Amino acid sequence: MQVKVLTVLTALMGFAAASPLEQRACAANGDSCASTAACCEGLACSTKTSKCIPYARPGASCAEVPCVPPMVCGFGQLCY
């Protein structure tokens, strides 16, 4: 009886380990995207090319891509 239970438990544990955990695949730098949410951390979706690119840095243009948080876009479309 114990062997049977152990076999069933081992099989269940193996199944749980084999089933992939819910991991969100993200779009890398240069990959196509529909929104910034699809891009990997540190990247934003370009409104011009629909590709993931690094966030705009302070003082850089934010016309094409959002500013790196918590910066905001303003003053002639520059991040500040």
PDB file of N, CA and C in Angstrom:
ATOM      1  N   MET A   1       0.834  -1.196   0.000  1.00  0.00           N
ATOM      2  CA  MET A   1       0.000   0.000   0.000  1.00  0.00           C
ATOM      3  C   MET A   1       0.877   1.257   0.000  1.00  0.00           C
ATOM      4  N   GLN A   2       1.903   1.270   0.848  1.00  0.00           N
ATOM      5  CA  GLN A   2       2.759   2.449   0.938  1.00  0.00           C
ATOM      6  C   GLN A   2       3.484   2.710  -0.380  1.00  0.00           C
ATOM      7  N   VAL A   3       3.894   1.675  -1.053  1.00  0.00           N
ATOM      8  CA  VAL A   3       4.607   1.816  -2.328  1.00  0.00           C
ATOM      9  C   VAL A   3       3.694   2.452  -3.362  1.00  0.00           C
ATOM     10  N   LYS A   4       2.433   2.022  -3.386  1.00  0.00           N
ATOM     11  CA  LYS A   4       1.468   2.558  -4.339  1.00  0.00           C
ATOM     12  C   LYS A   4       1.242   4.051  -4.083  1.00  0.00           C
ATOM     13  N   VAL A   5       1.064   4.432  -2.837  1.00  0.00           N
ATOM     14  CA  VAL A   5       0.843   5.838  -2.480  1.00  0.00           C
ATOM     15  C   VAL A   5       2.072   6.661  -2.859  1.00  0.00           C
ATOM     16  N   LEU A   6       3.246   6.128  -2.572  1.00  0.00           N
ATOM     17  CA  LEU A   6       4.487   6.825  -2.894  1.00  0.00           C
ATOM     18  C   LEU A   6       4.624   7.016  -4.404  1.00  0.00           C
ATOM     19  N   THR A   7       4.254   5.995  -5.179  1.00  0.00           N
ATOM     20  CA  THR A   7       4.327   6.074  -6.637  1.00  0.00           C
ATOM     21  C   THR A   7       3.381   7.151  -7.156  1.00  0.00           C
ATOM     22  N   VAL A   8       2.169   7.184  -6.633  1.00  0.00           N
ATOM     23  CA  VAL A   8       1.181   8.184  -7.048  1.00  0.00           C
ATOM     24  C   VAL A   8       1.669   9.588  -6.684  1.00  0.00           C
ATOM     25  N   LEU A   9       2.175   9.758  -5.475  1.00  0.00           N
ATOM     26  CA  LEU A   9       2.674  11.066  -5.053  1.00  0.00           C
ATOM     27  C   LEU A   9       3.853  11.514  -5.909  1.00  0.00           C
ATOM     28  N   THR A  10       4.756  10.593  -6.198  1.00  0.00           N
ATOM     29  CA  THR A  10       5.913  10.914  -7.038  1.00  0.00           C
ATOM     30  C   THR A  10       5.443  11.330  -8.427  1.00  0.00           C
ATOM     31  N   ALA A  11       4.465  10.638  -8.968  1.00  0.00           N
ATOM     32  CA  ALA A  11       3.931  10.975 -10.292  1.00  0.00           C
ATOM     33  C   ALA A  11       3.285  12.351 -10.277  1.00  0.00           C
ATOM     34  N   LEU A  12       2.528  12.644  -9.230  1.00  0.00           N
ATOM     35  CA  LEU A  12       1.883  13.957  -9.126  1.00  0.00           C
ATOM     36  C   LEU A  12       2.912  15.073  -8.980  1.00  0.00           C
ATOM     37  N   MET A  13       3.941  14.826  -8.179  1.00  0.00           N
ATOM     38  CA  MET A  13       4.986  15.831  -7.995  1.00  0.00           C
ATOM     39  C   MET A  13       5.738  16.063  -9.309  1.00  0.00           C
ATOM     40  N   GLY A  14       5.990  14.992 -10.034  1.00  0.00           N
ATOM     41  CA  GLY A  14       6.658  15.115 -11.328  1.00  0.00           C
ATOM     42  C   GLY A  14       5.815  15.904 -12.306  1.00  0.00           C
ATOM     43  N   PHE A  15       4.512  15.690 -12.283  1.00  0.00           N
ATOM     44  CA  PHE A  15       3.600  16.426 -13.161  1.00  0.00           C
ATOM     45  C   PHE A  15       3.608  17.907 -12.802  1.00  0.00           C
ATOM     46  N   ALA A  16       3.585  18.207 -11.509  1.00  0.00           N
ATOM     47  CA  ALA A  16       3.583  19.606 -11.076  1.00  0.00           C
ATOM     48  C   ALA A  16       4.885  20.295 -11.463  1.00  0.00           C
ATOM     49  N   ALA A  17       5.993  19.580 -11.351  1.00  0.00           N
ATOM     50  CA  ALA A  17       7.287  20.167 -11.708  1.00  0.00           C
ATOM     51  C   ALA A  17       7.403  20.341 -13.215  1.00  0.00           C
ATOM     52  N   ALA A  18       6.779  19.446 -13.974  1.00  0.00           N
ATOM     53  CA  ALA A  18       6.875  19.507 -15.434  1.00  0.00           C
ATOM     54  C   ALA A  18       5.970  20.579 -16.020  1.00  0.00           C
ATOM     55  N   SER A  19       4.866  20.870 -15.350  1.00  0.00           N
ATOM     56  CA  SER A  19       3.955  21.879 -15.900  1.00  0.00           C
ATOM     57  C   SER A  19       4.561  23.262 -15.685  1.00  0.00           C
ATOM     58  N   PRO A  20       4.609  24.065 -16.726  1.00  0.00           N
ATOM     59  CA  PRO A  20       5.255  25.379 -16.614  1.00  0.00           C
ATOM     60  C   PRO A  20       4.462  26.322 -15.711  1.00  0.00           C
ATOM     61  N   LEU A  21       5.176  27.067 -14.931  1.00  0.00           N
ATOM     62  CA  LEU A  21       4.513  28.072 -14.117  1.00  0.00           C
ATOM     63  C   LEU A  21       4.106  29.201 -15.050  1.00  0.00           C
ATOM     64  N   GLU A  22       3.139  29.957 -14.636  1.00  0.00           N
ATOM     65  CA  GLU A  22       2.698  31.050 -15.494  1.00  0.00           C
ATOM     66  C   GLU A  22       3.767  32.134 -15.530  1.00  0.00           C
ATOM     67  N   GLN A  23       4.536  32.124 -16.587  1.00  0.00           N
ATOM     68  CA  GLN A  23       5.558  33.141 -16.778  1.00  0.00           C
ATOM     69  C   GLN A  23       5.172  33.932 -18.018  1.00  0.00           C
ATOM     70  N   ARG A  24       5.210  35.232 -17.883  1.00  0.00           N
ATOM     71  CA  ARG A  24       4.825  36.078 -18.999  1.00  0.00           C
ATOM     72  C   ARG A  24       6.045  36.287 -19.882  1.00  0.00           C
ATOM     73  N   ALA A  25       5.940  35.842 -21.117  1.00  0.00           N
ATOM     74  CA  ALA A  25       7.018  36.090 -22.056  1.00  0.00           C
ATOM     75  C   ALA A  25       6.919  37.562 -22.458  1.00  0.00           C
ATOM     76  N   CYS A  26       8.054  38.208 -22.549  1.00  0.00           N
ATOM     77  CA  CYS A  26       8.032  39.618 -22.906  1.00  0.00           C
ATOM     78  C   CYS A  26       8.835  39.854 -24.172  1.00  0.00           C
ATOM     79  N   ALA A  27       8.536  40.941 -24.842  1.00  0.00           N
ATOM     80  CA  ALA A  27       9.225  41.311 -26.070  1.00  0.00           C
ATOM     81  C   ALA A  27      10.546  41.992 -25.716  1.00  0.00           C
ATOM     82  N   ALA A  28      11.613  41.556 -26.347  1.00  0.00           N
ATOM     83  CA  ALA A  28      12.949  42.098 -26.089  1.00  0.00           C
ATOM     84  C   ALA A  28      13.196  43.351 -26.924  1.00  0.00           C
ATOM     85  N   ASN A  29      14.331  43.979 -26.698  1.00  0.00           N
ATOM     86  CA  ASN A  29      14.721  45.184 -27.430  1.00  0.00           C
ATOM     87  C   ASN A  29      14.703  44.900 -28.933  1.00  0.00           C
ATOM     88  N   GLY A  30      13.914  45.677 -29.682  1.00  0.00           N
ATOM     89  CA  GLY A  30      13.819  45.511 -31.133  1.00  0.00           C
ATOM     90  C   GLY A  30      12.683  44.618 -31.584  1.00  0.00           C
ATOM     91  N   ASP A  31      12.036  43.910 -30.640  1.00  0.00           N
ATOM     92  CA  ASP A  31      10.899  43.050 -30.989  1.00  0.00           C
ATOM     93  C   ASP A  31       9.648  43.886 -31.219  1.00  0.00           C
ATOM     94  N   SER A  32       8.744  43.391 -32.049  1.00  0.00           N
ATOM     95  CA  SER A  32       7.476  44.071 -32.300  1.00  0.00           C
ATOM     96  C   SER A  32       6.616  44.067 -31.043  1.00  0.00           C
ATOM     97  N   CYS A  33       5.803  45.111 -30.889  1.00  0.00           N
ATOM     98  CA  CYS A  33       4.930  45.227 -29.716  1.00  0.00           C
ATOM     99  C   CYS A  33       3.679  46.008 -30.079  1.00  0.00           C
ATOM    100  N   ALA A  34       2.637  45.776 -29.293  1.00  0.00           N
ATOM    101  CA  ALA A  34       1.399  46.526 -29.445  1.00  0.00           C
ATOM    102  C   ALA A  34       1.276  47.566 -28.345  1.00  0.00           C
ATOM    103  N   SER A  35       1.931  47.308 -27.209  1.00  0.00           N
ATOM    104  CA  SER A  35       1.898  48.240 -26.091  1.00  0.00           C
ATOM    105  C   SER A  35       3.132  48.025 -25.229  1.00  0.00           C
ATOM    106  N   THR A  36       3.417  48.989 -24.368  1.00  0.00           N
ATOM    107  CA  THR A  36       4.570  48.891 -23.468  1.00  0.00           C
ATOM    108  C   THR A  36       4.441  47.698 -22.537  1.00  0.00           C
ATOM    109  N   ALA A  37       3.227  47.309 -22.209  1.00  0.00           N
ATOM    110  CA  ALA A  37       3.011  46.160 -21.320  1.00  0.00           C
ATOM    111  C   ALA A  37       3.601  44.880 -21.906  1.00  0.00           C
ATOM    112  N   ALA A  38       3.734  44.785 -23.226  1.00  0.00           N
ATOM    113  CA  ALA A  38       4.275  43.595 -23.871  1.00  0.00           C
ATOM    114  C   ALA A  38       5.799  43.548 -23.814  1.00  0.00           C
ATOM    115  N   CYS A  39       6.430  44.679 -23.544  1.00  0.00           N
ATOM    116  CA  CYS A  39       7.893  44.764 -23.558  1.00  0.00           C
ATOM    117  C   CYS A  39       8.496  44.302 -22.235  1.00  0.00           C
ATOM    118  N   CYS A  40       9.732  43.802 -22.314  1.00  0.00           N
ATOM    119  CA  CYS A  40      10.457  43.401 -21.108  1.00  0.00           C
ATOM    120  C   CYS A  40      10.764  44.624 -20.251  1.00  0.00           C
ATOM    121  N   GLU A  41      11.139  44.370 -19.001  1.00  0.00           N
ATOM    122  CA  GLU A  41      11.436  45.441 -18.055  1.00  0.00           C
ATOM    123  C   GLU A  41      12.510  46.376 -18.609  1.00  0.00           C
ATOM    124  N   GLY A  42      12.273  47.684 -18.459  1.00  0.00           N
ATOM    125  CA  GLY A  42      13.226  48.682 -18.925  1.00  0.00           C
ATOM    126  C   GLY A  42      12.998  49.114 -20.359  1.00  0.00           C
ATOM    127  N   LEU A  43      12.020  48.473 -21.023  1.00  0.00           N
ATOM    128  CA  LEU A  43      11.722  48.810 -22.411  1.00  0.00           C
ATOM    129  C   LEU A  43      10.299  49.337 -22.535  1.00  0.00           C
ATOM    130  N   ALA A  44      10.081  50.146 -23.567  1.00  0.00           N
ATOM    131  CA  ALA A  44       8.756  50.687 -23.848  1.00  0.00           C
ATOM    132  C   ALA A  44       8.469  50.495 -25.333  1.00  0.00           C
ATOM    133  N   CYS A  45       7.206  50.480 -25.697  1.00  0.00           N
ATOM    134  CA  CYS A  45       6.807  50.278 -27.088  1.00  0.00           C
ATOM    135  C   CYS A  45       6.824  51.617 -27.825  1.00  0.00           C
ATOM    136  N   SER A  46       7.607  51.692 -28.872  1.00  0.00           N
ATOM    137  CA  SER A  46       7.716  52.912 -29.667  1.00  0.00           C
ATOM    138  C   SER A  46       6.418  53.170 -30.418  1.00  0.00           C
ATOM    139  N   THR A  47       5.912  54.403 -30.341  1.00  0.00           N
ATOM    140  CA  THR A  47       4.698  54.754 -31.073  1.00  0.00           C
ATOM    141  C   THR A  47       5.000  54.926 -32.560  1.00  0.00           C
ATOM    142  N   LYS A  48       6.260  55.076 -32.894  1.00  0.00           N
ATOM    143  CA  LYS A  48       6.674  55.293 -34.282  1.00  0.00           C
ATOM    144  C   LYS A  48       6.915  53.973 -35.018  1.00  0.00           C
ATOM    145  N   THR A  49       7.615  53.053 -34.386  1.00  0.00           N
ATOM    146  CA  THR A  49       8.008  51.799 -35.052  1.00  0.00           C
ATOM    147  C   THR A  49       7.277  50.567 -34.535  1.00  0.00           C
ATOM    148  N   SER A  50       6.529  50.676 -33.445  1.00  0.00           N
ATOM    149  CA  SER A  50       5.868  49.536 -32.787  1.00  0.00           C
ATOM    150  C   SER A  50       6.867  48.439 -32.448  1.00  0.00           C
ATOM    151  N   LYS A  51       8.037  48.855 -31.961  1.00  0.00           N
ATOM    152  CA  LYS A  51       9.068  47.932 -31.485  1.00  0.00           C
ATOM    153  C   LYS A  51       9.474  48.349 -30.080  1.00  0.00           C
ATOM    154  N   CYS A  52       9.889  47.387 -29.280  1.00  0.00           N
ATOM    155  CA  CYS A  52      10.341  47.681 -27.920  1.00  0.00           C
ATOM    156  C   CYS A  52      11.722  48.329 -27.972  1.00  0.00           C
ATOM    157  N   ILE A  53      11.842  49.466 -27.312  1.00  0.00           N
ATOM    158  CA  ILE A  53      13.109  50.185 -27.218  1.00  0.00           C
ATOM    159  C   ILE A  53      13.249  50.707 -25.793  1.00  0.00           C
ATOM    160  N   PRO A  54      14.461  51.061 -25.378  1.00  0.00           N
ATOM    161  CA  PRO A  54      14.622  51.584 -24.015  1.00  0.00           C
ATOM    162  C   PRO A  54      13.797  52.851 -23.791  1.00  0.00           C
ATOM    163  N   TYR A  55      13.304  53.010 -22.559  1.00  0.00           N
ATOM    164  CA  TYR A  55      12.589  54.225 -22.183  1.00  0.00           C
ATOM    165  C   TYR A  55      13.472  55.437 -22.472  1.00  0.00           C
ATOM    166  N   ALA A  56      12.836  56.582 -22.722  1.00  0.00           N
ATOM    167  CA  ALA A  56      13.571  57.834 -22.883  1.00  0.00           C
ATOM    168  C   ALA A  56      14.124  58.267 -21.532  1.00  0.00           C
ATOM    169  N   ARG A  57      15.328  58.738 -21.512  1.00  0.00           N
ATOM    170  CA  ARG A  57      16.017  59.171 -20.290  1.00  0.00           C
ATOM    171  C   ARG A  57      15.743  60.654 -20.023  1.00  0.00           C
ATOM    172  N   PRO A  58      16.029  61.126 -18.830  1.00  0.00           N
ATOM    173  CA  PRO A  58      15.841  62.553 -18.525  1.00  0.00           C
ATOM    174  C   PRO A  58      16.557  63.438 -19.543  1.00  0.00           C
ATOM    175  N   GLY A  59      15.828  64.412 -20.070  1.00  0.00           N
ATOM    176  CA  GLY A  59      16.371  65.346 -21.049  1.00  0.00           C
ATOM    177  C   GLY A  59      16.272  64.852 -22.481  1.00  0.00           C
ATOM    178  N   ALA A  60      15.887  63.585 -22.676  1.00  0.00           N
ATOM    179  CA  ALA A  60      15.762  63.017 -24.020  1.00  0.00           C
ATOM    180  C   ALA A  60      14.342  63.238 -24.548  1.00  0.00           C
ATOM    181  N   SER A  61      14.185  63.093 -25.857  1.00  0.00           N
ATOM    182  CA  SER A  61      12.876  63.251 -26.484  1.00  0.00           C
ATOM    183  C   SER A  61      11.955  62.106 -26.091  1.00  0.00           C
ATOM    184  N   CYS A  62      10.721  62.461 -25.784  1.00  0.00           N
ATOM    185  CA  CYS A  62       9.716  61.450 -25.443  1.00  0.00           C
ATOM    186  C   CYS A  62       8.596  61.450 -26.486  1.00  0.00           C
ATOM    187  N   ALA A  63       8.918  61.923 -27.681  1.00  0.00           N
ATOM    188  CA  ALA A  63       7.932  61.957 -28.757  1.00  0.00           C
ATOM    189  C   ALA A  63       7.591  60.553 -29.248  1.00  0.00           C
ATOM    190  N   GLU A  64       8.558  59.643 -29.158  1.00  0.00           N
ATOM    191  CA  GLU A  64       8.376  58.307 -29.701  1.00  0.00           C
ATOM    192  C   GLU A  64       8.165  57.245 -28.631  1.00  0.00           C
ATOM    193  N   VAL A  65       8.734  57.449 -27.463  1.00  0.00           N
ATOM    194  CA  VAL A  65       8.696  56.438 -26.409  1.00  0.00           C
ATOM    195  C   VAL A  65       8.512  57.128 -25.057  1.00  0.00           C
ATOM    196  N   PRO A  66       7.800  56.505 -24.115  1.00  0.00           N
ATOM    197  CA  PRO A  66       7.599  57.123 -22.800  1.00  0.00           C
ATOM    198  C   PRO A  66       8.918  57.328 -22.047  1.00  0.00           C
ATOM    199  N   CYS A  67       8.877  58.233 -21.106  1.00  0.00           N
ATOM    200  CA  CYS A  67      10.036  58.491 -20.250  1.00  0.00           C
ATOM    201  C   CYS A  67      10.204  57.352 -19.250  1.00  0.00           C
ATOM    202  N   VAL A  68      11.444  57.153 -18.819  1.00  0.00           N
ATOM    203  CA  VAL A  68      11.701  56.153 -17.791  1.00  0.00           C
ATOM    204  C   VAL A  68      10.975  56.620 -16.526  1.00  0.00           C
ATOM    205  N   PRO A  69      10.127  55.757 -15.925  1.00  0.00           N
ATOM    206  CA  PRO A  69       9.400  56.162 -14.720  1.00  0.00           C
ATOM    207  C   PRO A  69      10.364  56.546 -13.605  1.00  0.00           C
ATOM    208  N   PRO A  70      10.066  57.506 -12.782  1.00  0.00           N
ATOM    209  CA  PRO A  70       8.841  58.297 -12.665  1.00  0.00           C
ATOM    210  C   PRO A  70       8.893  59.612 -13.450  1.00  0.00           C
ATOM    211  N   MET A  71       9.816  59.728 -14.389  1.00  0.00           N
ATOM    212  CA  MET A  71       9.914  60.950 -15.192  1.00  0.00           C
ATOM    213  C   MET A  71       8.630  61.141 -16.002  1.00  0.00           C
ATOM    214  N   VAL A  72       8.376  62.375 -16.413  1.00  0.00           N
ATOM    215  CA  VAL A  72       7.197  62.678 -17.227  1.00  0.00           C
ATOM    216  C   VAL A  72       7.634  63.399 -18.500  1.00  0.00           C
ATOM    217  N   CYS A  73       6.768  63.369 -19.484  1.00  0.00           N
ATOM    218  CA  CYS A  73       7.036  63.997 -20.772  1.00  0.00           C
ATOM    219  C   CYS A  73       6.394  65.380 -20.794  1.00  0.00           C
ATOM    220  N   GLY A  74       7.157  66.371 -21.160  1.00  0.00           N
ATOM    221  CA  GLY A  74       6.621  67.720 -21.245  1.00  0.00           C
ATOM    222  C   GLY A  74       7.658  68.679 -21.780  1.00  0.00           C
ATOM    223  N   PHE A  75       7.387  69.941 -21.714  1.00  0.00           N
ATOM    224  CA  PHE A  75       8.338  70.972 -22.155  1.00  0.00           C
ATOM    225  C   PHE A  75       8.966  70.642 -23.506  1.00  0.00           C
ATOM    226  N   GLY A  76       8.174  70.650 -24.562  1.00  0.00           N
ATOM    227  CA  GLY A  76       8.695  70.366 -25.890  1.00  0.00           C
ATOM    228  C   GLY A  76       8.998  68.896 -26.108  1.00  0.00           C
ATOM    229  N   GLN A  77       8.257  68.060 -25.460  1.00  0.00           N
ATOM    230  CA  GLN A  77       8.382  66.596 -25.543  1.00  0.00           C
ATOM    231  C   GLN A  77       9.762  66.110 -25.105  1.00  0.00           C
ATOM    232  N   LEU A  78      10.187  66.602 -23.965  1.00  0.00           N
ATOM    233  CA  LEU A  78      11.422  66.124 -23.337  1.00  0.00           C
ATOM    234  C   LEU A  78      11.080  65.546 -21.971  1.00  0.00           C
ATOM    235  N   CYS A  79      11.822  64.551 -21.562  1.00  0.00           N
ATOM    236  CA  CYS A  79      11.607  63.945 -20.244  1.00  0.00           C
ATOM    237  C   CYS A  79      12.212  64.826 -19.154  1.00  0.00           C
ATOM    238  N   TYR A  80      11.446  65.019 -18.098  1.00  0.00           N
ATOM    239  CA  TYR A  80      11.982  65.757 -16.953  1.00  0.00           C
ATOM    240  C   TYR A  80      11.475  65.158 -15.659  1.00  0.00           C
TER     241      TYR A  80
END
